[in-house]
N, C-alpha and C. Protein backbone atom coordinates (compact mmCIF):
# COMPACT_ATOMS: atom_id res chain seq x y z
N MET A 1 0.77 12.75 -6.63
CA MET A 1 0.46 11.90 -6.12
C MET A 1 1.30 11.59 -5.10
N LYS A 2 1.07 11.79 -3.57
CA LYS A 2 1.86 11.04 -2.34
C LYS A 2 1.38 9.52 -2.20
N TYR A 3 2.35 9.03 -1.77
CA TYR A 3 2.85 7.58 -1.55
C TYR A 3 1.51 6.96 -1.08
N GLY A 4 0.74 8.11 0.14
CA GLY A 4 -0.58 7.53 0.80
C GLY A 4 -1.65 7.23 0.08
N GLU A 5 -1.99 8.26 -1.16
CA GLU A 5 -2.72 7.94 -2.15
C GLU A 5 -3.04 6.70 -2.87
N TYR A 6 -1.17 6.39 -3.15
CA TYR A 6 -1.52 4.97 -4.27
C TYR A 6 -2.07 3.94 -2.99
N PHE A 7 -1.26 3.60 -1.90
CA PHE A 7 -1.58 2.65 -1.22
C PHE A 7 -2.75 2.51 -0.63
N LYS A 8 -3.98 3.99 -0.94
CA LYS A 8 -5.23 3.71 -0.64
C LYS A 8 -5.80 3.67 -1.96
N ALA A 9 -5.32 3.86 -2.82
CA ALA A 9 -6.02 3.12 -4.49
C ALA A 9 -5.78 1.80 -4.31
N GLN A 10 -4.63 1.38 -4.18
CA GLN A 10 -4.38 -0.30 -4.09
C GLN A 10 -5.53 -0.93 -3.13
N ARG A 11 -5.80 0.02 -2.21
CA ARG A 11 -6.75 -0.76 -1.01
C ARG A 11 -8.04 -1.46 -1.66
N GLU A 12 -8.86 0.41 -2.71
CA GLU A 12 -9.91 0.34 -2.85
C GLU A 12 -10.03 -0.05 -3.86
N LEU A 13 -8.82 -0.60 -5.13
CA LEU A 13 -8.56 -1.74 -5.65
C LEU A 13 -9.40 -3.05 -5.68
N ALA A 14 -8.96 -3.54 -4.78
CA ALA A 14 -8.71 -4.67 -4.03
C ALA A 14 -10.48 -4.87 -3.09
N GLY A 15 -11.04 -3.42 -3.07
CA GLY A 15 -12.17 -3.65 -2.30
C GLY A 15 -12.56 -3.79 -0.65
N LEU A 16 -11.52 -3.49 -0.09
CA LEU A 16 -11.17 -3.83 1.19
C LEU A 16 -11.42 -2.52 2.06
N SER A 17 -11.45 -2.52 3.11
CA SER A 17 -11.34 -1.51 4.44
C SER A 17 -10.20 -1.62 5.03
N GLN A 18 -9.81 -0.86 5.53
CA GLN A 18 -8.77 -0.82 6.36
C GLN A 18 -8.43 -1.57 6.98
N SER A 19 -9.91 -1.78 7.80
CA SER A 19 -9.89 -3.35 8.94
C SER A 19 -9.43 -4.85 8.12
N GLU A 20 -10.26 -4.71 6.93
CA GLU A 20 -10.22 -5.70 6.42
C GLU A 20 -8.37 -6.45 5.29
N LEU A 21 -7.96 -5.35 5.29
CA LEU A 21 -6.13 -4.96 4.83
C LEU A 21 -5.42 -5.35 6.17
N SER A 22 -5.69 -5.15 7.32
CA SER A 22 -5.44 -5.49 8.33
C SER A 22 -5.42 -6.53 8.76
N LYS A 23 -6.63 -7.75 8.58
CA LYS A 23 -6.83 -8.94 8.96
C LYS A 23 -5.97 -9.85 8.62
N ARG A 24 -5.64 -9.37 6.92
CA ARG A 24 -5.49 -9.93 5.68
C ARG A 24 -3.78 -10.23 5.80
N THR A 25 -3.96 -9.13 5.38
CA THR A 25 -1.82 -9.16 5.87
C THR A 25 -1.60 -8.96 7.19
N GLY A 26 -2.14 -8.61 8.64
CA GLY A 26 -1.23 -9.45 9.93
C GLY A 26 -0.45 -7.41 10.24
N LEU A 27 -0.54 -6.34 8.77
CA LEU A 27 -0.54 -5.11 9.24
C LEU A 27 -1.94 -4.53 10.26
N SER A 28 -1.38 -3.21 10.86
CA SER A 28 -2.03 -2.80 12.23
C SER A 28 -2.88 -1.92 11.22
N GLN A 29 -4.24 -1.79 11.53
CA GLN A 29 -5.39 -0.90 10.77
C GLN A 29 -4.77 0.58 11.16
N GLN A 30 -4.02 0.79 12.13
CA GLN A 30 -3.67 2.07 12.85
C GLN A 30 -2.21 2.50 11.63
N MET A 31 -2.13 1.59 11.70
CA MET A 31 -0.84 1.99 10.70
C MET A 31 -1.02 1.76 8.99
N ILE A 32 -2.13 1.30 8.65
CA ILE A 32 -2.59 1.58 7.43
C ILE A 32 -3.23 2.95 6.81
N SER A 33 -3.95 3.53 7.93
CA SER A 33 -4.40 4.77 8.25
C SER A 33 -3.38 5.34 7.96
N HIS A 34 -2.48 5.62 8.83
CA HIS A 34 -1.00 6.21 9.27
C HIS A 34 -0.89 6.77 7.68
N TRP A 35 -0.35 5.34 7.29
CA TRP A 35 0.55 5.82 5.71
C TRP A 35 -0.26 6.30 4.84
N GLU A 36 -2.21 6.02 4.92
CA GLU A 36 -2.59 6.50 3.44
C GLU A 36 -2.77 7.96 4.04
N ASN A 37 -2.76 8.23 5.19
CA ASN A 37 -3.00 10.28 5.40
C ASN A 37 -1.70 10.45 5.19
N ASN A 38 -0.41 9.90 4.83
CA ASN A 38 0.44 10.46 4.59
C ASN A 38 0.92 11.39 5.91
N LYS A 39 1.07 10.45 6.89
CA LYS A 39 1.59 10.67 8.25
C LYS A 39 2.89 9.93 8.31
N GLY A 40 3.71 9.14 7.24
CA GLY A 40 4.58 8.42 7.52
C GLY A 40 4.73 7.51 6.57
N GLU A 41 5.65 6.81 6.09
CA GLU A 41 5.47 5.89 5.37
C GLU A 41 5.91 4.55 6.07
N PRO A 42 5.65 3.56 5.19
CA PRO A 42 6.18 2.35 5.43
C PRO A 42 7.99 1.56 5.27
N GLY A 43 8.23 0.71 6.16
CA GLY A 43 9.88 0.20 5.67
C GLY A 43 9.35 -0.66 4.78
N ILE A 44 10.46 -1.13 4.19
CA ILE A 44 10.90 -1.77 2.76
C ILE A 44 9.87 -3.40 3.16
N GLU A 45 10.16 -3.90 4.44
CA GLU A 45 9.69 -4.70 4.70
C GLU A 45 7.85 -4.52 4.45
N LYS A 46 7.63 -3.57 4.96
CA LYS A 46 6.47 -3.67 5.23
C LYS A 46 5.59 -3.53 3.59
N LEU A 47 6.26 -2.88 2.72
CA LEU A 47 6.57 -2.43 1.03
C LEU A 47 6.04 -4.06 0.81
N VAL A 48 6.80 -4.35 0.94
CA VAL A 48 6.89 -6.35 0.38
C VAL A 48 5.56 -6.65 0.79
N VAL A 49 5.06 -6.66 2.38
CA VAL A 49 4.20 -7.53 2.02
C VAL A 49 2.86 -7.15 1.27
N LEU A 50 2.32 -5.39 1.25
CA LEU A 50 1.35 -4.75 0.55
C LEU A 50 1.59 -5.28 -0.73
N ALA A 51 2.74 -5.69 -1.52
CA ALA A 51 2.96 -5.74 -3.14
C ALA A 51 2.56 -7.00 -2.80
N ASP A 52 3.14 -8.28 -2.16
CA ASP A 52 2.87 -9.46 -2.63
C ASP A 52 1.44 -9.93 -2.25
N PHE A 53 0.77 -9.23 -1.38
CA PHE A 53 -0.40 -9.48 -0.92
C PHE A 53 -1.19 -8.95 -2.30
N TYR A 54 -1.17 -7.74 -3.05
CA TYR A 54 -2.07 -7.23 -3.99
C TYR A 54 -1.49 -7.87 -5.20
N GLY A 55 -0.23 -8.76 -5.15
CA GLY A 55 0.13 -9.16 -6.67
C GLY A 55 0.71 -8.15 -7.59
N ILE A 56 1.64 -7.21 -7.06
CA ILE A 56 2.02 -6.11 -7.69
C ILE A 56 3.47 -5.87 -7.40
N SER A 57 4.00 -5.13 -7.84
CA SER A 57 5.40 -4.89 -7.92
C SER A 57 5.64 -3.16 -6.89
N LEU A 58 6.61 -3.03 -6.77
CA LEU A 58 6.72 -2.44 -4.98
C LEU A 58 7.00 -0.90 -6.32
N ASP A 59 7.25 -1.02 -7.18
CA ASP A 59 7.01 -0.03 -8.24
C ASP A 59 5.77 0.56 -8.45
N GLU A 60 4.77 -0.18 -8.83
CA GLU A 60 3.20 -0.28 -8.10
C GLU A 60 3.01 0.78 -7.63
N LEU A 61 2.82 -0.63 -6.57
CA LEU A 61 2.64 -0.15 -5.47
C LEU A 61 2.80 1.57 -5.00
N ILE A 62 3.52 2.06 -5.35
CA ILE A 62 4.29 3.26 -5.01
C ILE A 62 4.03 4.42 -5.69
N GLY A 63 3.16 3.62 -7.36
CA GLY A 63 3.13 4.86 -7.96
C GLY A 63 4.24 5.07 -9.18
N ARG A 64 4.88 4.20 -9.16
CA ARG A 64 6.25 4.27 -10.45
C ARG A 64 6.07 3.60 -11.52
N THR A 65 5.95 4.64 -12.51
CA THR A 65 6.05 4.01 -13.65
C THR A 65 7.03 3.82 -14.46
N ILE A 66 7.68 2.80 -15.07
CA ILE A 66 8.89 2.91 -15.94
C ILE A 66 8.89 3.33 -17.18
N LYS A 67 9.99 4.07 -17.65
CA LYS A 67 9.68 4.54 -18.83
C LYS A 67 10.21 3.89 -19.87
N ILE A 68 10.45 3.15 -21.09
CA ILE A 68 10.86 2.70 -21.52
C ILE A 68 10.93 3.83 -22.77
N ASP A 69 12.69 3.65 -23.36
CA ASP A 69 12.94 4.70 -24.69
C ASP A 69 12.44 3.51 -26.04
C-alpha cells in the first residue's frame, strides 16, 4: 500500500471528508487530495499535524508496523 492509501484510510476511519479534514487541520483540501492520490508526499511538519490530529504515531500514519522479536 502506498502512503496515500494510508492517509485516506485514516481520514475515512475518522469519518471525515477531505474538506472537513482541511477545515479541522488547516491543511488545504488540495494538498490532502494530492497526497491521497499518491501525487506527492507531505513534509515532516504536515505528517506531524496529521498524526497529532488523529492521535496516532507517525509510524501508524504511514502504515509502518514495528516488528518485535
